[in-house]
PDB file of N, CA and C in Angstrom:
ATOM      1  N   MET A   1      13.279  -2.312  -0.510  1.00  0.00           N
ATOM      2  CA  MET A   1      13.400  -3.481   0.339  1.00  0.00           C
ATOM      3  C   MET A   1      12.957  -4.754  -0.391  1.00  0.00           C
ATOM      4  N   GLU A   2      11.958  -4.611  -1.231  1.00  0.00           N
ATOM      5  CA  GLU A   2      11.462  -5.770  -1.962  1.00  0.00           C
ATOM      6  C   GLU A   2      12.563  -6.380  -2.834  1.00  0.00           C
ATOM      7  N   TYR A   3      13.303  -5.517  -3.524  1.00  0.00           N
ATOM      8  CA  TYR A   3      14.390  -5.990  -4.383  1.00  0.00           C
ATOM      9  C   TYR A   3      15.471  -6.668  -3.540  1.00  0.00           C
ATOM     10  N   LYS A   4      15.807  -6.089  -2.408  1.00  0.00           N
ATOM     11  CA  LYS A   4      16.831  -6.667  -1.525  1.00  0.00           C
ATOM     12  C   LYS A   4      16.378  -8.026  -0.994  1.00  0.00           C
ATOM     13  N   LEU A   5      15.111  -8.148  -0.664  1.00  0.00           N
ATOM     14  CA  LEU A   5      14.572  -9.430  -0.209  1.00  0.00           C
ATOM     15  C   LEU A   5      14.663 -10.467  -1.321  1.00  0.00           C
ATOM     16  N   LEU A   6      14.262 -10.089  -2.520  1.00  0.00           N
ATOM     17  CA  LEU A   6      14.316 -11.021  -3.643  1.00  0.00           C
ATOM     18  C   LEU A   6      15.749 -11.440  -3.952  1.00  0.00           C
ATOM     19  N   THR A   7      16.690 -10.517  -3.944  1.00  0.00           N
ATOM     20  CA  THR A   7      18.081 -10.891  -4.235  1.00  0.00           C
ATOM     21  C   THR A   7      18.655 -11.785  -3.145  1.00  0.00           C
ATOM     22  N   THR A   8      18.259 -11.564  -1.899  1.00  0.00           N
ATOM     23  CA  THR A   8      18.712 -12.437  -0.811  1.00  0.00           C
ATOM     24  C   THR A   8      18.169 -13.844  -1.000  1.00  0.00           C
ATOM     25  N   LEU A   9      16.907 -13.955  -1.373  1.00  0.00           N
ATOM     26  CA  LEU A   9      16.320 -15.269  -1.643  1.00  0.00           C
ATOM     27  C   LEU A   9      17.004 -15.928  -2.839  1.00  0.00           C
ATOM     28  N   LEU A  10      17.262 -15.156  -3.889  1.00  0.00           N
ATOM     29  CA  LEU A  10      17.916 -15.702  -5.082  1.00  0.00           C
ATOM     30  C   LEU A  10      19.327 -16.214  -4.790  1.00  0.00           C
ATOM     31  N   LYS A  11      20.090 -15.467  -4.010  1.00  0.00           N
ATOM     32  CA  LYS A  11      21.458 -15.872  -3.668  1.00  0.00           C
ATOM     33  C   LYS A  11      21.481 -17.181  -2.890  1.00  0.00           C
ATOM     34  N   ASN A  12      20.375 -17.454  -2.209  1.00  0.00           N
ATOM     35  CA  ASN A  12      20.294 -18.652  -1.367  1.00  0.00           C
ATOM     36  C   ASN A  12      19.219 -19.608  -1.855  1.00  0.00           C
ATOM     37  N   SER A  13      19.003 -19.631  -3.158  1.00  0.00           N
ATOM     38  CA  SER A  13      17.964 -20.448  -3.765  1.00  0.00           C
ATOM     39  C   SER A  13      18.047 -21.901  -3.304  1.00  0.00           C
ATOM     40  N   GLY A  14      16.910 -22.447  -2.904  1.00  0.00           N
ATOM     41  CA  GLY A  14      16.847 -23.830  -2.459  1.00  0.00           C
ATOM     42  C   GLY A  14      17.080 -24.010  -0.973  1.00  0.00           C
ATOM     43  N   LYS A  15      17.616 -23.004  -0.314  1.00  0.00           N
ATOM     44  CA  LYS A  15      17.889 -23.088   1.126  1.00  0.00           C
ATOM     45  C   LYS A  15      16.741 -22.470   1.916  1.00  0.00           C
ATOM     46  N   VAL A  16      16.497 -23.027   3.090  1.00  0.00           N
ATOM     47  CA  VAL A  16      15.523 -22.435   4.002  1.00  0.00           C
ATOM     48  C   VAL A  16      16.213 -21.286   4.725  1.00  0.00           C
ATOM     49  N   LEU A  17      15.645 -20.105   4.599  1.00  0.00           N
ATOM     50  CA  LEU A  17      16.183 -18.923   5.286  1.00  0.00           C
ATOM     51  C   LEU A  17      15.230 -18.555   6.419  1.00  0.00           C
ATOM     52  N   THR A  18      15.766 -18.438   7.608  1.00  0.00           N
ATOM     53  CA  THR A  18      14.922 -18.133   8.760  1.00  0.00           C
ATOM     54  C   THR A  18      14.404 -16.711   8.692  1.00  0.00           C
ATOM     55  N   HIS A  19      13.312 -16.486   9.403  1.00  0.00           N
ATOM     56  CA  HIS A  19      12.754 -15.139   9.493  1.00  0.00           C
ATOM     57  C   HIS A  19      13.831 -14.175   9.993  1.00  0.00           C
ATOM     58  N   ARG A  20      14.498 -14.573  11.034  1.00  0.00           N
ATOM     59  CA  ARG A  20      15.512 -13.705  11.650  1.00  0.00           C
ATOM     60  C   ARG A  20      16.634 -13.375  10.673  1.00  0.00           C
ATOM     61  N   TYR A  21      17.117 -14.367   9.936  1.00  0.00           N
ATOM     62  CA  TYR A  21      18.182 -14.141   8.957  1.00  0.00           C
ATOM     63  C   TYR A  21      17.725 -13.141   7.894  1.00  0.00           C
ATOM     64  N   LEU A  22      16.540 -13.355   7.338  1.00  0.00           N
ATOM     65  CA  LEU A  22      16.036 -12.458   6.296  1.00  0.00           C
ATOM     66  C   LEU A  22      15.851 -11.042   6.819  1.00  0.00           C
ATOM     67  N   LEU A  23      15.309 -10.915   8.008  1.00  0.00           N
ATOM     68  CA  LEU A  23      15.116  -9.581   8.585  1.00  0.00           C
ATOM     69  C   LEU A  23      16.454  -8.867   8.787  1.00  0.00           C
ATOM     70  N   ARG A  24      17.458  -9.577   9.296  1.00  0.00           N
ATOM     71  CA  ARG A  24      18.790  -8.965   9.490  1.00  0.00           C
ATOM     72  C   ARG A  24      19.416  -8.571   8.166  1.00  0.00           C
ATOM     73  N   GLU A  25      19.323  -9.458   7.168  1.00  0.00           N
ATOM     74  CA  GLU A  25      19.951  -9.196   5.870  1.00  0.00           C
ATOM     75  C   GLU A  25      19.280  -8.047   5.119  1.00  0.00           C
ATOM     76  N   VAL A  26      17.976  -7.960   5.214  1.00  0.00           N
ATOM     77  CA  VAL A  26      17.236  -6.979   4.419  1.00  0.00           C
ATOM     78  C   VAL A  26      17.018  -5.672   5.184  1.00  0.00           C
ATOM     79  N   TRP A  27      16.580  -5.738   6.430  1.00  0.00           N
ATOM     80  CA  TRP A  27      16.250  -4.535   7.184  1.00  0.00           C
ATOM     81  C   TRP A  27      17.319  -4.113   8.177  1.00  0.00           C
ATOM     82  N   GLY A  28      18.220  -5.022   8.524  1.00  0.00           N
ATOM     83  CA  GLY A  28      19.272  -4.702   9.487  1.00  0.00           C
ATOM     84  C   GLY A  28      18.959  -5.254  10.868  1.00  0.00           C
ATOM     85  N   PRO A  29      19.953  -5.254  11.732  1.00  0.00           N
ATOM     86  CA  PRO A  29      19.807  -5.898  13.055  1.00  0.00           C
ATOM     87  C   PRO A  29      18.752  -5.243  13.951  1.00  0.00           C
ATOM     88  N   GLN A  30      18.463  -3.981  13.745  1.00  0.00           N
ATOM     89  CA  GLN A  30      17.490  -3.302  14.602  1.00  0.00           C
ATOM     90  C   GLN A  30      16.071  -3.820  14.405  1.00  0.00           C
ATOM     91  N   ASP A  31      15.782  -4.431  13.263  1.00  0.00           N
ATOM     92  CA  ASP A  31      14.435  -4.911  12.968  1.00  0.00           C
ATOM     93  C   ASP A  31      14.350  -6.436  12.910  1.00  0.00           C
ATOM     94  N   SER A  32      15.238  -7.126  13.574  1.00  0.00           N
ATOM     95  CA  SER A  32      15.303  -8.583  13.448  1.00  0.00           C
ATOM     96  C   SER A  32      14.141  -9.319  14.101  1.00  0.00           C
ATOM     97  N   GLN A  33      13.258  -8.608  14.787  1.00  0.00           N
ATOM     98  CA  GLN A  33      12.091  -9.246  15.406  1.00  0.00           C
ATOM     99  C   GLN A  33      10.783  -8.834  14.746  1.00  0.00           C
ATOM    100  N   GLU A  34      10.835  -8.053  13.688  1.00  0.00           N
ATOM    101  CA  GLU A  34       9.638  -7.496  13.051  1.00  0.00           C
ATOM    102  C   GLU A  34       9.128  -8.400  11.926  1.00  0.00           C
ATOM    103  N   ASN A  35       8.601  -9.571  12.290  1.00  0.00           N
ATOM    104  CA  ASN A  35       8.151 -10.558  11.306  1.00  0.00           C
ATOM    105  C   ASN A  35       7.056 -10.048  10.382  1.00  0.00           C
ATOM    106  N   HIS A  36       6.270  -9.080  10.820  1.00  0.00           N
ATOM    107  CA  HIS A  36       5.190  -8.582   9.959  1.00  0.00           C
ATOM    108  C   HIS A  36       5.744  -7.899   8.708  1.00  0.00           C
ATOM    109  N   TYR A  37       6.928  -7.263   8.809  1.00  0.00           N
ATOM    110  CA  TYR A  37       7.566  -6.678   7.624  1.00  0.00           C
ATOM    111  C   TYR A  37       7.755  -7.766   6.566  1.00  0.00           C
ATOM    112  N   LEU A  38       8.287  -8.855   7.014  1.00  0.00           N
ATOM    113  CA  LEU A  38       8.618  -9.955   6.121  1.00  0.00           C
ATOM    114  C   LEU A  38       7.365 -10.531   5.461  1.00  0.00           C
ATOM    115  N   ARG A  39       6.322 -10.752   6.222  1.00  0.00           N
ATOM    116  CA  ARG A  39       5.078 -11.293   5.666  1.00  0.00           C
ATOM    117  C   ARG A  39       4.498 -10.388   4.582  1.00  0.00           C
ATOM    118  N   VAL A  40       4.514  -9.100   4.830  1.00  0.00           N
ATOM    119  CA  VAL A  40       3.968  -8.145   3.855  1.00  0.00           C
ATOM    120  C   VAL A  40       4.791  -8.162   2.570  1.00  0.00           C
ATOM    121  N   PHE A  41       6.108  -8.130   2.683  1.00  0.00           N
ATOM    122  CA  PHE A  41       6.955  -8.082   1.496  1.00  0.00           C
ATOM    123  C   PHE A  41       6.947  -9.397   0.726  1.00  0.00           C
ATOM    124  N   VAL A  42       6.879 -10.527   1.420  1.00  0.00           N
ATOM    125  CA  VAL A  42       6.783 -11.816   0.738  1.00  0.00           C
ATOM    126  C   VAL A  42       5.442 -11.899  -0.004  1.00  0.00           C
ATOM    127  N   ALA A  43       4.375 -11.426   0.615  1.00  0.00           N
ATOM    128  CA  ALA A  43       3.070 -11.423  -0.050  1.00  0.00           C
ATOM    129  C   ALA A  43       3.113 -10.568  -1.320  1.00  0.00           C
ATOM    130  N   ASN A  44       3.779  -9.419  -1.258  1.00  0.00           N
ATOM    131  CA  ASN A  44       3.906  -8.558  -2.443  1.00  0.00           C
ATOM    132  C   ASN A  44       4.697  -9.247  -3.544  1.00  0.00           C
ATOM    133  N   LEU A  45       5.781  -9.909  -3.185  1.00  0.00           N
ATOM    134  CA  LEU A  45       6.569 -10.638  -4.180  1.00  0.00           C
ATOM    135  C   LEU A  45       5.757 -11.764  -4.806  1.00  0.00           C
ATOM    136  N   ARG A  46       5.011 -12.468  -3.991  1.00  0.00           N
ATOM    137  CA  ARG A  46       4.182 -13.565  -4.516  1.00  0.00           C
ATOM    138  C   ARG A  46       3.135 -13.045  -5.497  1.00  0.00           C
ATOM    139  N   ARG A  47       2.530 -11.905  -5.196  1.00  0.00           N
ATOM    140  CA  ARG A  47       1.542 -11.335  -6.119  1.00  0.00           C
ATOM    141  C   ARG A  47       2.174 -11.016  -7.468  1.00  0.00           C
ATOM    142  N   LYS A  48       3.436 -10.649  -7.461  1.00  0.00           N
ATOM    143  CA  LYS A  48       4.123 -10.290  -8.706  1.00  0.00           C
ATOM    144  C   LYS A  48       4.695 -11.497  -9.447  1.00  0.00           C
ATOM    145  N   LEU A  49       5.108 -12.526  -8.722  1.00  0.00           N
ATOM    146  CA  LEU A  49       5.829 -13.640  -9.331  1.00  0.00           C
ATOM    147  C   LEU A  49       5.007 -14.899  -9.564  1.00  0.00           C
ATOM    148  N   GLU A  50       4.032 -15.125  -8.741  1.00  0.00           N
ATOM    149  CA  GLU A  50       3.286 -16.378  -8.775  1.00  0.00           C
ATOM    150  C   GLU A  50       2.055 -16.281  -9.676  1.00  0.00           C
ATOM    151  N   ASP A  51       1.719 -17.378 -10.359  1.00  0.00           N
ATOM    152  CA  ASP A  51       0.467 -17.440 -11.115  1.00  0.00           C
ATOM    153  C   ASP A  51      -0.720 -17.354 -10.158  1.00  0.00           C
ATOM    154  N   ASP A  52      -0.614 -18.092  -9.042  1.00  0.00           N
ATOM    155  CA  ASP A  52      -1.641 -18.078  -8.002  1.00  0.00           C
ATOM    156  C   ASP A  52      -0.942 -17.860  -6.666  1.00  0.00           C
ATOM    157  N   PRO A  53      -0.911 -16.619  -6.171  1.00  0.00           N
ATOM    158  CA  PRO A  53      -0.200 -16.331  -4.920  1.00  0.00           C
ATOM    159  C   PRO A  53      -0.688 -17.152  -3.723  1.00  0.00           C
ATOM    160  N   ALA A  54      -1.930 -17.629  -3.768  1.00  0.00           N
ATOM    161  CA  ALA A  54      -2.463 -18.448  -2.676  1.00  0.00           C
ATOM    162  C   ALA A  54      -1.878 -19.858  -2.687  1.00  0.00           C
ATOM    163  N   GLN A  55      -1.352 -20.280  -3.823  1.00  0.00           N
ATOM    164  CA  GLN A  55      -0.714 -21.596  -3.974  1.00  0.00           C
ATOM    165  C   GLN A  55       0.692 -21.391  -4.549  1.00  0.00           C
ATOM    166  N   PRO A  56       1.596 -20.825  -3.758  1.00  0.00           N
ATOM    167  CA  PRO A  56       2.920 -20.457  -4.291  1.00  0.00           C
ATOM    168  C   PRO A  56       3.740 -21.672  -4.730  1.00  0.00           C
ATOM    169  N   ARG A  57       4.448 -21.478  -5.839  1.00  0.00           N
ATOM    170  CA  ARG A  57       5.359 -22.515  -6.350  1.00  0.00           C
ATOM    171  C   ARG A  57       6.814 -22.092  -6.225  1.00  0.00           C
ATOM    172  N   PHE A  58       7.060 -20.797  -6.087  1.00  0.00           N
ATOM    173  CA  PHE A  58       8.435 -20.297  -6.084  1.00  0.00           C
ATOM    174  C   PHE A  58       8.919 -19.881  -4.699  1.00  0.00           C
ATOM    175  N   ILE A  59       8.145 -19.092  -4.001  1.00  0.00           N
ATOM    176  CA  ILE A  59       8.532 -18.673  -2.645  1.00  0.00           C
ATOM    177  C   ILE A  59       7.670 -19.458  -1.671  1.00  0.00           C
ATOM    178  N   LEU A  60       8.276 -20.460  -1.063  1.00  0.00           N
ATOM    179  CA  LEU A  60       7.554 -21.358  -0.168  1.00  0.00           C
ATOM    180  C   LEU A  60       7.754 -20.962   1.288  1.00  0.00           C
ATOM    181  N   THR A  61       6.708 -21.131   2.066  1.00  0.00           N
ATOM    182  CA  THR A  61       6.777 -20.889   3.500  1.00  0.00           C
ATOM    183  C   THR A  61       7.196 -22.178   4.192  1.00  0.00           C
ATOM    184  N   GLU A  62       8.198 -22.080   5.014  1.00  0.00           N
ATOM    185  CA  GLU A  62       8.595 -23.194   5.878  1.00  0.00           C
ATOM    186  C   GLU A  62       8.023 -22.853   7.250  1.00  0.00           C
ATOM    187  N   GLN A  63       6.893 -23.470   7.574  1.00  0.00           N
ATOM    188  CA  GLN A  63       6.104 -23.130   8.751  1.00  0.00           C
ATOM    189  C   GLN A  63       6.951 -22.997  10.014  1.00  0.00           C
ATOM    190  N   GLY A  64       6.862 -21.838  10.650  1.00  0.00           N
ATOM    191  CA  GLY A  64       7.561 -21.590  11.909  1.00  0.00           C
ATOM    192  C   GLY A  64       9.060 -21.344  11.761  1.00  0.00           C
ATOM    193  N   ILE A  65       9.584 -21.396  10.535  1.00  0.00           N
ATOM    194  CA  ILE A  65      11.025 -21.241  10.324  1.00  0.00           C
ATOM    195  C   ILE A  65      11.328 -20.026   9.459  1.00  0.00           C
ATOM    196  N   GLY A  66      10.789 -20.017   8.225  1.00  0.00           N
ATOM    197  CA  GLY A  66      11.099 -18.933   7.320  1.00  0.00           C
ATOM    198  C   GLY A  66      10.590 -19.211   5.914  1.00  0.00           C
ATOM    199  N   TYR A  67      11.424 -18.913   4.927  1.00  0.00           N
ATOM    200  CA  TYR A  67      11.027 -19.051   3.521  1.00  0.00           C
ATOM    201  C   TYR A  67      12.120 -19.714   2.709  1.00  0.00           C
ATOM    202  N   ARG A  68      11.701 -20.322   1.600  1.00  0.00           N
ATOM    203  CA  ARG A  68      12.625 -20.965   0.670  1.00  0.00           C
ATOM    204  C   ARG A  68      12.218 -20.565  -0.746  1.00  0.00           C
ATOM    205  N   LEU A  69      13.204 -20.168  -1.558  1.00  0.00           N
ATOM    206  CA  LEU A  69      12.942 -19.878  -2.960  1.00  0.00           C
ATOM    207  C   LEU A  69      13.298 -21.108  -3.754  1.00  0.00           C
ATOM    208  N   ILE A  70      12.349 -21.560  -4.544  1.00  0.00           N
ATOM    209  CA  ILE A  70      12.577 -22.709  -5.423  1.00  0.00           C
ATOM    210  C   ILE A  70      12.848 -22.170  -6.815  1.00  0.00           C
ATOM    211  N   GLY A  71      14.006 -22.520  -7.366  1.00  0.00           N
ATOM    212  CA  GLY A  71      14.391 -21.974  -8.668  1.00  0.00           C
ATOM    213  C   GLY A  71      14.095 -22.911  -9.797  1.00  0.00           C
TER     214      GLY A  71
END
């Protein structure tokens, strides 16, 4: 799932992707309300990609909306 999340973010680099969109694309329509999945996987990606995961430069949170990958 982590790889699928990253490729979805990469395909849409620079765009704000909503929580719901990411959940549908990565986990499927049955899990489109499970925001905790998304938080856990984004945190894992940040630990792997960011110099300082607490101050992300690549995977940004758009408060109340979703995430944006900055390329």
